[in-house]
Amino acid sequence: MNNIEGKVVVITGASSGLGEETARYLAEKGASVVLGARRVENLERIASQIKAKGGLATYLKMDVTNIEEVKALVAKGVEVFGKIDVIINNAGIMPLAPLAALKVDEWNQMIDVNIKGVLNGIAAALPLFQAQSSGHFINLASIAGLNVNPGSVVYSGTKFAVRAISDGLRKEVGKDIRTTIITPGLIESELQFGSSDEATSQFIQQVYKDAIPAISIAKAAAYAIDQPANVDINELIIRPTVQEV
């Protein structure tokens, strides 16, 4: 049985990395995917390639920090495919640096994208899910949301917040709506290139030599979606076997 086929899945941060890989994988499994991100040329290319393989996809240029644009992405899915079954709040940034570097603008950007972006996704989809008495939130957290290391303090704070928000959401929405936290470790993505702090960036490039492919996260999302409606996979932690923390 394939519980993915026929479902409509909204994905933020879908123009590259984990979001792109997840969109492609779910489309292969029969889902209709609604792609959102700022880089519209990437979205157009990905959607075209999915459709060329017989999949169903649409896209919209949007920014997760703008609630109206997130609502528009959800509305786009309903307009094109008639419903929304899943929203994957995937968009995130990781400009790591020591606190002493005082990169306050980057702190604010992480809060806006990593925390407010998830909340905007919830705000956009929750009324629809409640009205149809079904739905599935999948929120991307991080190993950094379980353990804080020097240089990742603010990023970790945002991912601790995602886990708290997700668990609270699960407790509030009741029996009809599912909530999953996906917690990646070292996974190949553009996140590793986000640091403007030279020493931190060099360290990250070294650490990410152990990263595993983004398809690992796509398969985790598919696993959670594929479960029967009464099975709620609340958290999946995926990391390389060599990663200790």
Protein backbone atom coordinates (compact mmCIF):
# COMPACT_ATOMS: atom_id res chain seq x y z
CA MET A 1 0.00 0.00 0.00
CA ASN A 2 1.23 3.51 -0.88
CA ASN A 3 -0.24 6.24 1.33
CA ILE A 4 1.86 8.86 -0.45
CA GLU A 5 0.21 8.50 -3.85
CA GLY A 6 -2.40 11.16 -4.44
CA LYS A 7 -1.39 13.35 -1.52
CA VAL A 8 -0.64 17.03 -2.04
CA VAL A 9 2.54 18.16 -0.30
CA VAL A 10 3.66 21.78 0.16
CA ILE A 11 7.43 22.19 0.61
CA THR A 12 9.20 25.40 1.61
CA GLY A 13 12.86 25.89 0.82
CA ALA A 14 12.30 23.66 -2.20
CA SER A 15 14.78 25.29 -4.58
CA SER A 16 17.77 23.21 -3.49
CA GLY A 17 19.12 20.70 -1.00
CA LEU A 18 16.76 18.80 1.27
CA GLY A 19 13.66 20.51 -0.08
CA GLU A 20 14.50 19.78 -3.70
CA GLU A 21 15.44 16.18 -3.02
CA THR A 22 12.27 15.61 -1.00
CA ALA A 23 10.10 17.11 -3.73
CA ARG A 24 11.63 14.87 -6.38
CA TYR A 25 11.36 11.74 -4.23
CA LEU A 26 7.75 12.32 -3.16
CA ALA A 27 6.73 13.10 -6.74
CA GLU A 28 8.23 9.77 -7.81
CA LYS A 29 6.06 8.14 -5.14
CA GLY A 30 2.94 9.70 -6.62
CA ALA A 31 2.51 12.84 -4.56
CA SER A 32 1.60 16.20 -6.08
CA VAL A 33 4.20 18.69 -4.88
CA VAL A 34 3.85 22.43 -4.34
CA LEU A 35 7.29 24.07 -4.32
CA GLY A 36 8.05 27.34 -2.61
CA ALA A 37 11.29 29.34 -2.30
CA ARG A 38 12.87 32.63 -3.34
CA ARG A 39 14.91 31.36 -6.30
CA VAL A 40 12.17 31.05 -8.86
CA GLU A 41 14.50 29.89 -11.66
CA ASN A 42 15.41 26.83 -9.57
CA LEU A 43 11.77 26.12 -8.78
CA GLU A 44 10.85 26.32 -12.45
CA ARG A 45 13.63 23.91 -13.39
CA ILE A 46 12.77 21.40 -10.66
CA ALA A 47 9.04 21.48 -11.39
CA SER A 48 9.68 21.05 -15.12
CA GLN A 49 11.94 18.06 -14.52
CA ILE A 50 9.39 16.45 -12.20
CA LYS A 51 6.64 16.89 -14.80
CA ALA A 52 8.91 15.57 -17.56
CA LYS A 53 9.10 12.31 -15.60
CA GLY A 54 5.32 12.11 -15.30
CA GLY A 55 5.02 13.73 -11.89
CA LEU A 56 2.74 16.52 -10.72
CA ALA A 57 4.26 19.79 -9.54
CA THR A 58 3.59 23.48 -9.26
CA TYR A 59 5.59 26.29 -7.71
CA LEU A 60 5.47 29.83 -6.38
CA LYS A 61 8.19 32.32 -5.61
CA MET A 62 7.84 33.18 -1.93
CA ASP A 63 9.68 34.03 1.28
CA VAL A 64 8.84 32.10 4.46
CA THR A 65 9.36 35.23 6.56
CA ASN A 66 6.30 36.79 4.89
CA ILE A 67 3.09 35.22 6.22
CA GLU A 68 1.03 36.39 3.25
CA GLU A 69 3.43 34.71 0.82
CA VAL A 70 3.29 31.46 2.80
CA LYS A 71 -0.50 31.61 2.75
CA ALA A 72 -0.31 32.19 -1.01
CA LEU A 73 1.80 29.04 -1.41
CA VAL A 74 -0.81 26.96 0.42
CA ALA A 75 -3.56 28.61 -1.64
CA LYS A 76 -1.62 27.77 -4.81
CA GLY A 77 -1.71 24.09 -3.86
CA VAL A 78 -5.45 24.20 -3.27
CA GLU A 79 -6.00 26.09 -6.52
CA VAL A 80 -3.98 23.65 -8.64
CA PHE A 81 -4.60 20.34 -6.89
CA GLY A 82 -7.78 20.93 -4.91
CA LYS A 83 -6.41 20.27 -1.43
CA ILE A 84 -3.35 20.15 0.83
CA ASP A 85 -2.46 17.04 2.82
CA VAL A 86 1.05 17.82 4.08
CA ILE A 87 3.22 20.88 4.64
CA ILE A 88 6.96 20.40 5.03
CA ASN A 89 8.44 23.44 6.76
CA ASN A 90 11.93 22.90 5.43
CA ALA A 91 13.34 26.37 4.75
CA GLY A 92 16.28 27.21 6.98
CA ILE A 93 19.62 29.00 7.17
CA MET A 94 22.76 28.23 9.19
CA PRO A 95 25.23 31.15 9.35
CA LEU A 96 27.30 29.81 12.23
CA ALA A 97 29.74 31.98 14.18
CA PRO A 98 30.85 32.50 17.78
CA LEU A 99 28.64 34.85 19.80
CA ALA A 100 31.63 37.15 20.25
CA ALA A 101 31.59 37.83 16.50
CA LEU A 102 28.38 39.78 17.21
CA LYS A 103 26.74 38.95 13.89
CA VAL A 104 23.44 40.36 15.12
CA ASP A 105 21.94 40.66 11.63
CA GLU A 106 22.57 36.95 11.09
CA TRP A 107 21.00 36.13 14.45
CA ASN A 108 17.87 37.99 13.38
CA GLN A 109 17.83 36.28 10.00
CA MET A 110 17.99 32.85 11.64
CA ILE A 111 15.14 33.77 13.97
CA ASP A 112 13.07 35.06 11.06
CA VAL A 113 13.64 32.08 8.76
CA ASN A 114 14.11 29.16 11.14
CA ILE A 115 11.49 30.03 13.75
CA LYS A 116 9.06 32.51 12.22
CA GLY A 117 9.17 30.61 8.92
CA VAL A 118 7.91 27.47 10.65
CA LEU A 119 5.24 29.42 12.53
CA ASN A 120 4.12 31.02 9.27
CA GLY A 121 3.81 27.57 7.72
CA ILE A 122 1.69 26.44 10.64
CA ALA A 123 -0.48 29.56 10.44
CA ALA A 124 -1.00 29.07 6.70
CA ALA A 125 -1.96 25.39 6.83
CA LEU A 126 -3.60 24.85 10.23
CA PRO A 127 -7.01 26.40 9.43
CA LEU A 128 -7.26 24.25 6.31
CA PHE A 129 -6.20 21.09 8.16
CA GLN A 130 -8.73 21.77 10.91
CA ALA A 131 -11.52 22.39 8.41
CA GLN A 132 -10.85 19.11 6.62
CA SER A 133 -10.10 17.17 9.86
CA SER A 134 -6.83 15.88 8.46
CA GLY A 135 -3.33 17.07 7.68
CA HIS A 136 0.33 16.54 8.44
CA PHE A 137 2.98 19.02 9.55
CA ILE A 138 6.61 18.01 8.98
CA ASN A 139 9.05 20.47 10.53
CA LEU A 140 12.79 20.36 9.93
CA ALA A 141 14.80 20.71 13.11
CA SER A 142 18.47 19.73 13.53
CA ILE A 143 20.89 17.78 15.66
CA ALA A 144 21.79 21.28 16.85
CA GLY A 145 18.36 21.34 18.46
CA LEU A 146 19.46 18.48 20.73
CA ASN A 147 23.00 19.58 21.54
CA VAL A 148 24.66 23.00 21.63
CA ASN A 149 28.23 23.42 20.41
CA PRO A 150 30.44 26.53 20.34
CA GLY A 151 29.71 28.56 17.23
CA SER A 152 26.17 27.22 16.82
CA VAL A 153 24.52 28.86 19.81
CA VAL A 154 21.90 30.96 18.00
CA TYR A 155 21.29 28.33 15.34
CA SER A 156 20.79 25.76 18.08
CA GLY A 157 18.40 28.11 19.82
CA THR A 158 16.25 28.33 16.69
CA LYS A 159 16.19 24.56 16.30
CA PHE A 160 15.38 23.97 19.97
CA ALA A 161 12.47 26.31 19.30
CA VAL A 162 11.33 24.31 16.28
CA ARG A 163 11.24 21.16 18.40
CA ALA A 164 9.30 22.92 21.18
CA ILE A 165 6.81 24.42 18.73
CA SER A 166 6.32 21.10 16.99
CA ASP A 167 5.71 19.18 20.19
CA GLY A 168 3.31 21.81 21.45
CA LEU A 169 1.50 21.78 18.12
CA ARG A 170 1.11 18.01 18.35
CA LYS A 171 -0.51 18.33 21.78
CA GLU A 172 -2.89 21.04 20.63
CA VAL A 173 -4.16 19.76 17.30
CA GLY A 174 -5.72 16.53 18.54
CA LYS A 175 -6.25 13.20 16.88
CA ASP A 176 -6.85 14.23 13.25
CA ILE A 177 -3.65 16.12 12.44
CA ARG A 178 -0.18 14.56 12.49
CA THR A 179 3.07 16.29 13.46
CA THR A 180 6.58 15.08 12.64
CA ILE A 181 9.95 16.55 13.54
CA ILE A 182 12.77 15.52 11.21
CA THR A 183 16.13 16.05 12.87
CA PRO A 184 19.04 15.91 10.40
CA GLY A 185 22.67 15.59 11.34
CA LEU A 186 25.36 16.09 8.72
CA ILE A 187 23.40 15.99 5.46
CA GLU A 188 24.62 17.33 2.11
CA SER A 189 23.00 20.74 1.55
CA GLU A 190 23.78 24.41 1.01
CA LEU A 191 23.52 25.02 4.76
CA GLN A 192 27.21 24.23 5.07
CA PHE A 193 28.06 27.30 2.97
CA GLY A 194 26.05 29.78 5.06
CA SER A 195 28.71 31.06 7.44
CA SER A 196 30.37 34.42 6.85
CA ASP A 197 32.84 33.76 9.68
CA GLU A 198 35.98 32.48 7.97
CA ALA A 199 37.29 30.24 10.74
CA THR A 200 33.87 28.71 11.35
CA SER A 201 33.33 28.19 7.63
CA GLN A 202 36.60 26.29 7.29
CA PHE A 203 35.67 24.09 10.25
CA ILE A 204 32.23 23.36 8.78
CA GLN A 205 33.70 22.38 5.41
CA GLN A 206 35.93 19.88 7.18
CA VAL A 207 33.11 18.41 9.27
CA TYR A 208 30.77 18.11 6.28
CA LYS A 209 33.14 15.70 4.59
CA ASP A 210 31.24 13.06 6.57
CA ALA A 211 27.84 14.24 5.32
CA ILE A 212 25.37 11.75 3.87
CA PRO A 213 23.13 12.44 0.83
CA ALA A 214 19.99 14.58 1.03
CA ILE A 215 17.92 11.61 -0.16
CA SER A 216 18.22 10.34 3.43
CA ILE A 217 15.89 13.14 4.57
CA ALA A 218 13.57 12.67 1.61
CA LYS A 219 13.12 9.03 2.55
CA ALA A 220 12.48 9.97 6.18
CA ALA A 221 9.72 12.37 5.13
CA ALA A 222 8.24 9.72 2.87
CA TYR A 223 8.28 7.19 5.71
CA ALA A 224 6.34 9.53 7.98
CA ILE A 225 3.79 10.42 5.29
CA ASP A 226 3.33 6.80 4.23
CA GLN A 227 2.03 5.65 7.61
CA PRO A 228 -1.69 4.95 8.15
CA ALA A 229 -3.71 7.97 9.26
CA ASN A 230 -3.77 6.79 12.88
CA VAL A 231 0.02 6.47 13.09
CA ASP A 232 1.91 9.62 14.02
CA ILE A 233 5.69 9.48 13.60
CA ASN A 234 6.66 12.27 15.97
CA GLU A 235 10.42 12.48 15.43
CA LEU A 236 13.06 11.00 13.16
CA ILE A 237 16.77 11.59 13.77
CA ILE A 238 18.99 10.94 10.75
CA ARG A 239 22.77 11.30 10.81
CA PRO A 240 25.90 9.58 9.49
CA THR A 241 27.02 6.55 11.45
CA VAL A 242 30.32 8.34 12.13
CA GLN A 243 28.67 11.42 13.65
CA GLU A 244 28.89 11.34 17.42
CA VAL A 245 26.87 14.48 18.23
